[in-house]
C-alpha atoms as a PDB file:
ATOM      1  CA  MET A   1     -37.661 -40.417 -95.426  1.00  0.00           C
ATOM      2  CA  THR A   2     -34.870 -37.623 -94.027  1.00  0.00           C
ATOM      3  CA  ASN A   3     -33.007 -38.041 -97.516  1.00  0.00           C
ATOM      4  CA  LYS A   4     -35.726 -36.735 -98.920  1.00  0.00           C
ATOM      5  CA  LYS A   5     -35.929 -34.112 -96.976  1.00  0.00           C
ATOM      6  CA  VAL A   6     -32.430 -33.017 -97.213  1.00  0.00           C
ATOM      7  CA  SER A   7     -32.286 -32.804-100.384  1.00  0.00           C
ATOM      8  CA  LEU A   8     -35.326 -31.095-100.869  1.00  0.00           C
ATOM      9  CA  ALA A   9     -34.134 -28.378 -98.194  1.00  0.00           C
ATOM     10  CA  GLU A  10     -30.806 -28.066-100.316  1.00  0.00           C
ATOM     11  CA  LEU A  11     -32.805 -27.274-103.337  1.00  0.00           C
ATOM     12  CA  VAL A  12     -34.797 -24.517-101.962  1.00  0.00           C
ATOM     13  CA  ALA A  13     -31.425 -23.091-100.308  1.00  0.00           C
ATOM     14  CA  LYS A  14     -29.767 -23.136-104.053  1.00  0.00           C
ATOM     15  CA  ILE A  15     -33.312 -21.269-106.189  1.00  0.00           C
ATOM     16  CA  ALA A  16     -33.320 -18.777-102.748  1.00  0.00           C
ATOM     17  CA  TYR A  17     -29.164 -18.339-103.475  1.00  0.00           C
ATOM     18  CA  LYS A  18     -29.850 -18.100-106.995  1.00  0.00           C
ATOM     19  CA  SER A  19     -32.599 -15.547-106.798  1.00  0.00           C
ATOM     20  CA  ALA A  20     -30.669 -13.040-104.081  1.00  0.00           C
ATOM     21  CA  LYS A  21     -28.063 -13.346-106.780  1.00  0.00           C
ATOM     22  CA  ARG A  22     -30.004 -12.073-109.572  1.00  0.00           C
ATOM     23  CA  SER A  23     -31.616  -9.819-107.520  1.00  0.00           C
ATOM     24  CA  ALA A  24     -28.226  -8.439-106.517  1.00  0.00           C
ATOM     25  CA  ASN A  25     -27.774  -8.005-110.568  1.00  0.00           C
ATOM     26  CA  THR A  26     -30.367  -6.486-111.620  1.00  0.00           C
ATOM     27  CA  THR A  27     -32.132  -2.820-111.862  1.00  0.00           C
ATOM     28  CA  CYS A  28     -35.491  -2.397-111.223  1.00  0.00           C
ATOM     29  CA  PHE A  29     -37.370  -0.603-114.030  1.00  0.00           C
ATOM     30  CA  GLY A  30     -39.423   2.676-113.884  1.00  0.00           C
ATOM     31  CA  PRO A  31     -40.697   4.651-111.035  1.00  0.00           C
ATOM     32  CA  PHE A  32     -41.073   1.573-108.996  1.00  0.00           C
ATOM     33  CA  GLY A  33     -37.562   1.449-107.898  1.00  0.00           C
ATOM     34  CA  GLN A  34     -35.710  -1.511-106.338  1.00  0.00           C
ATOM     35  CA  PRO A  35     -36.003  -2.620-102.609  1.00  0.00           C
ATOM     36  CA  LYS A  36     -33.533  -2.184-100.092  1.00  0.00           C
ATOM     37  CA  LEU A  37     -31.428  -5.126-100.064  1.00  0.00           C
ATOM     38  CA  PRO A  38     -29.436  -6.735 -97.325  1.00  0.00           C
ATOM     39  CA  GLU A  39     -25.614  -6.652 -97.025  1.00  0.00           C
ATOM     40  CA  LYS A  40     -24.938  -9.920 -97.640  1.00  0.00           C
ATOM     41  CA  VAL A  41     -27.231 -10.032-101.078  1.00  0.00           C
ATOM     42  CA  LYS A  42     -24.968  -6.718-102.308  1.00  0.00           C
ATOM     43  CA  LYS A  43     -22.148  -8.580-101.692  1.00  0.00           C
ATOM     44  CA  LEU A  44     -23.097 -11.543-104.225  1.00  0.00           C
ATOM     45  CA  ARG A  45     -23.259  -8.725-107.146  1.00  0.00           C
ATOM     46  CA  ASN A  46     -20.973  -8.983-110.078  1.00  0.00           C
ATOM     47  CA  PHE A  47     -19.988  -5.363-110.938  1.00  0.00           C
END
């Protein structure tokens, strides 16, 4: 049971990391604007 919890936690962490990285590298279309990103997420930017 513990092994499943660890692997599930790792999966959630990977999804959160990829989502944050995608958010850091995209801009929002139109007048809606992009929400303010934390400094740690800004460091993930590619450009």
